[in-house]
Amino acid sequence: MSCERFRVALTDHACGAPLHGAAAAHLATCSECRTLLEEERRIVLAIQDDLDRALSVSASPGFSAQVTARLQRVSSIGVRKGYWAALAAAATLALAAYLVPGHTVQQ
């Protein structure tokens, strides 16, 4: 019964949280809980190792240069399209202003 009361505190401690008060005193006297704590620490370390391996990726050589080149190409295409779209819109507005009946352009 007493061990069950400290189970969450021991799990938290295995993950790095401090262990205080009654839980620390219990751990000092209970070999079963010390064994449980060591097993949970091994599990936490194994998970940490797996995550480290899974997250340790590196880009292939030349990846950065390829991404930069693509971004520059897309950027220049976007600028040209934007230029022609703005020019077309301005021409449409000018033509509409000229063709609207009763509308005069003031000089």
C-alpha atoms as a PDB file:
ATOM      1  CA  MET A   1       0.000   0.000   0.000  1.00  0.00           C
ATOM      2  CA  SER A   2       2.741   2.424   0.948  1.00  0.00           C
ATOM      3  CA  CYS A   3       4.698   1.764  -2.282  1.00  0.00           C
ATOM      4  CA  GLU A   4       1.667   2.467  -4.471  1.00  0.00           C
ATOM      5  CA  ARG A   5       1.335   5.892  -2.901  1.00  0.00           C
ATOM      6  CA  PHE A   6       4.758   6.923  -4.238  1.00  0.00           C
ATOM      7  CA  ARG A   7       4.546   5.340  -7.696  1.00  0.00           C
ATOM      8  CA  VAL A   8       3.854   8.607  -9.565  1.00  0.00           C
ATOM      9  CA  ALA A   9       6.569  10.464  -7.654  1.00  0.00           C
ATOM     10  CA  LEU A  10       9.081   7.720  -8.519  1.00  0.00           C
ATOM     11  CA  THR A  11       8.114   7.820 -12.200  1.00  0.00           C
ATOM     12  CA  ASP A  12       8.482  11.602 -12.221  1.00  0.00           C
ATOM     13  CA  HIS A  13      11.851  11.242 -10.491  1.00  0.00           C
ATOM     14  CA  ALA A  14      13.000   8.762 -13.154  1.00  0.00           C
ATOM     15  CA  CYS A  15      12.195  11.476 -15.698  1.00  0.00           C
ATOM     16  CA  GLY A  16      14.281  14.055 -13.842  1.00  0.00           C
ATOM     17  CA  ALA A  17      11.940  15.610 -11.289  1.00  0.00           C
ATOM     18  CA  PRO A  18      13.278  16.053  -7.746  1.00  0.00           C
ATOM     19  CA  LEU A  19      12.142  13.590  -5.096  1.00  0.00           C
ATOM     20  CA  HIS A  20      11.214  15.164  -1.748  1.00  0.00           C
ATOM     21  CA  GLY A  21       9.778  14.396   1.634  1.00  0.00           C
ATOM     22  CA  ALA A  22       7.986  11.149   2.309  1.00  0.00           C
ATOM     23  CA  ALA A  23       8.749   9.748  -1.156  1.00  0.00           C
ATOM     24  CA  ALA A  24      12.502  10.258  -0.657  1.00  0.00           C
ATOM     25  CA  ALA A  25      12.337   8.684   2.793  1.00  0.00           C
ATOM     26  CA  HIS A  26      10.378   5.726   1.454  1.00  0.00           C
ATOM     27  CA  LEU A  27      12.848   5.195  -1.383  1.00  0.00           C
ATOM     28  CA  ALA A  28      15.714   5.106   1.109  1.00  0.00           C
ATOM     29  CA  THR A  29      14.110   2.153   2.913  1.00  0.00           C
ATOM     30  CA  CYS A  30      12.331   0.207   0.115  1.00  0.00           C
ATOM     31  CA  SER A  31      14.424  -1.989  -2.166  1.00  0.00           C
ATOM     32  CA  GLU A  32      11.382  -2.798  -4.334  1.00  0.00           C
ATOM     33  CA  CYS A  33      10.852   0.884  -5.147  1.00  0.00           C
ATOM     34  CA  ARG A  34      14.584   1.383  -5.799  1.00  0.00           C
ATOM     35  CA  THR A  35      14.420  -1.496  -8.297  1.00  0.00           C
ATOM     36  CA  LEU A  36      11.339   0.051  -9.887  1.00  0.00           C
ATOM     37  CA  LEU A  37      13.086   3.432 -10.099  1.00  0.00           C
ATOM     38  CA  GLU A  38      16.138   1.919 -11.801  1.00  0.00           C
ATOM     39  CA  GLU A  39      13.930   0.096 -14.316  1.00  0.00           C
ATOM     40  CA  GLU A  40      12.048   3.281 -15.105  1.00  0.00           C
ATOM     41  CA  ARG A  41      15.345   5.165 -15.513  1.00  0.00           C
ATOM     42  CA  ARG A  42      16.498   2.505 -18.009  1.00  0.00           C
ATOM     43  CA  ILE A  43      13.235   2.915 -19.924  1.00  0.00           C
ATOM     44  CA  VAL A  44      13.581   6.710 -19.972  1.00  0.00           C
ATOM     45  CA  LEU A  45      17.183   6.445 -21.222  1.00  0.00           C
ATOM     46  CA  ALA A  46      16.159   3.956 -23.925  1.00  0.00           C
ATOM     47  CA  ILE A  47      13.389   6.283 -25.105  1.00  0.00           C
ATOM     48  CA  GLN A  48      15.812   9.211 -25.063  1.00  0.00           C
ATOM     49  CA  ASP A  49      18.352   7.229 -27.133  1.00  0.00           C
ATOM     50  CA  ASP A  50      15.668   6.227 -29.642  1.00  0.00           C
ATOM     51  CA  LEU A  51      14.531   9.833 -29.986  1.00  0.00           C
ATOM     52  CA  ASP A  52      18.106  11.053 -30.404  1.00  0.00           C
ATOM     53  CA  ARG A  53      18.702   8.537 -33.185  1.00  0.00           C
ATOM     54  CA  ALA A  54      15.392   9.317 -34.884  1.00  0.00           C
ATOM     55  CA  LEU A  55      15.995  13.059 -34.784  1.00  0.00           C
ATOM     56  CA  SER A  56      19.640  13.013 -35.822  1.00  0.00           C
ATOM     57  CA  VAL A  57      19.192  13.576 -39.533  1.00  0.00           C
ATOM     58  CA  SER A  58      21.397  15.606 -41.752  1.00  0.00           C
ATOM     59  CA  ALA A  59      20.800  17.016 -45.174  1.00  0.00           C
ATOM     60  CA  SER A  60      22.551  15.507 -48.136  1.00  0.00           C
ATOM     61  CA  PRO A  61      25.526  17.406 -49.577  1.00  0.00           C
ATOM     62  CA  GLY A  62      24.342  20.249 -51.775  1.00  0.00           C
ATOM     63  CA  PHE A  63      20.824  20.309 -50.295  1.00  0.00           C
ATOM     64  CA  SER A  64      21.098  23.905 -49.141  1.00  0.00           C
ATOM     65  CA  ALA A  65      22.382  25.049 -52.536  1.00  0.00           C
ATOM     66  CA  GLN A  66      19.540  23.244 -54.331  1.00  0.00           C
ATOM     67  CA  VAL A  67      16.889  24.783 -52.089  1.00  0.00           C
ATOM     68  CA  THR A  68      18.381  28.245 -52.510  1.00  0.00           C
ATOM     69  CA  ALA A  69      18.487  27.865 -56.312  1.00  0.00           C
ATOM     70  CA  ARG A  70      14.858  26.739 -56.425  1.00  0.00           C
ATOM     71  CA  LEU A  71      13.731  29.599 -54.222  1.00  0.00           C
ATOM     72  CA  GLN A  72      15.516  32.080 -56.466  1.00  0.00           C
ATOM     73  CA  ARG A  73      13.871  30.589 -59.586  1.00  0.00           C
ATOM     74  CA  VAL A  74      10.415  30.639 -58.017  1.00  0.00           C
ATOM     75  CA  SER A  75      10.979  34.161 -56.732  1.00  0.00           C
ATOM     76  CA  SER A  76      12.001  35.509 -60.145  1.00  0.00           C
ATOM     77  CA  ILE A  77       9.033  33.767 -61.829  1.00  0.00           C
ATOM     78  CA  GLY A  78       6.706  35.233 -59.226  1.00  0.00           C
ATOM     79  CA  VAL A  79       8.092  38.747 -59.785  1.00  0.00           C
ATOM     80  CA  ARG A  80       7.636  38.501 -63.557  1.00  0.00           C
ATOM     81  CA  LYS A  81       4.084  37.189 -63.209  1.00  0.00           C
ATOM     82  CA  GLY A  82       3.296  39.886 -60.670  1.00  0.00           C
ATOM     83  CA  TYR A  83       4.664  42.570 -62.989  1.00  0.00           C
ATOM     84  CA  TRP A  84       2.521  41.414 -65.917  1.00  0.00           C
ATOM     85  CA  ALA A  85      -0.566  41.045 -63.732  1.00  0.00           C
ATOM     86  CA  ALA A  86      -0.170  44.601 -62.403  1.00  0.00           C
ATOM     87  CA  LEU A  87       0.378  45.941 -65.927  1.00  0.00           C
ATOM     88  CA  ALA A  88      -2.737  44.121 -67.192  1.00  0.00           C
ATOM     89  CA  ALA A  89      -4.815  45.481 -64.304  1.00  0.00           C
ATOM     90  CA  ALA A  90      -3.647  49.036 -64.964  1.00  0.00           C
ATOM     91  CA  ALA A  91      -4.419  48.699 -68.687  1.00  0.00           C
ATOM     92  CA  THR A  92      -7.889  47.319 -67.900  1.00  0.00           C
ATOM     93  CA  LEU A  93      -8.639  50.223 -65.562  1.00  0.00           C
ATOM     94  CA  ALA A  94      -7.450  52.757 -68.117  1.00  0.00           C
ATOM     95  CA  LEU A  95      -9.573  51.165 -70.855  1.00  0.00           C
ATOM     96  CA  ALA A  96     -12.623  50.980 -68.565  1.00  0.00           C
ATOM     97  CA  ALA A  97     -12.244  54.645 -67.631  1.00  0.00           C
ATOM     98  CA  TYR A  98     -12.053  55.576 -71.304  1.00  0.00           C
ATOM     99  CA  LEU A  99     -15.063  53.475 -72.335  1.00  0.00           C
ATOM    100  CA  VAL A 100     -17.471  54.409 -69.525  1.00  0.00           C
ATOM    101  CA  PRO A 101     -20.140  56.682 -71.069  1.00  0.00           C
ATOM    102  CA  GLY A 102     -20.270  60.201 -69.747  1.00  0.00           C
ATOM    103  CA  HIS A 103     -16.944  59.927 -68.038  1.00  0.00           C
ATOM    104  CA  THR A 104     -14.372  62.495 -68.955  1.00  0.00           C
ATOM    105  CA  VAL A 105     -10.750  62.538 -68.073  1.00  0.00           C
ATOM    106  CA  GLN A 106      -9.710  65.824 -66.553  1.00  0.00           C
ATOM    107  CA  GLN A 107      -6.388  67.285 -67.393  1.00  0.00           C
END
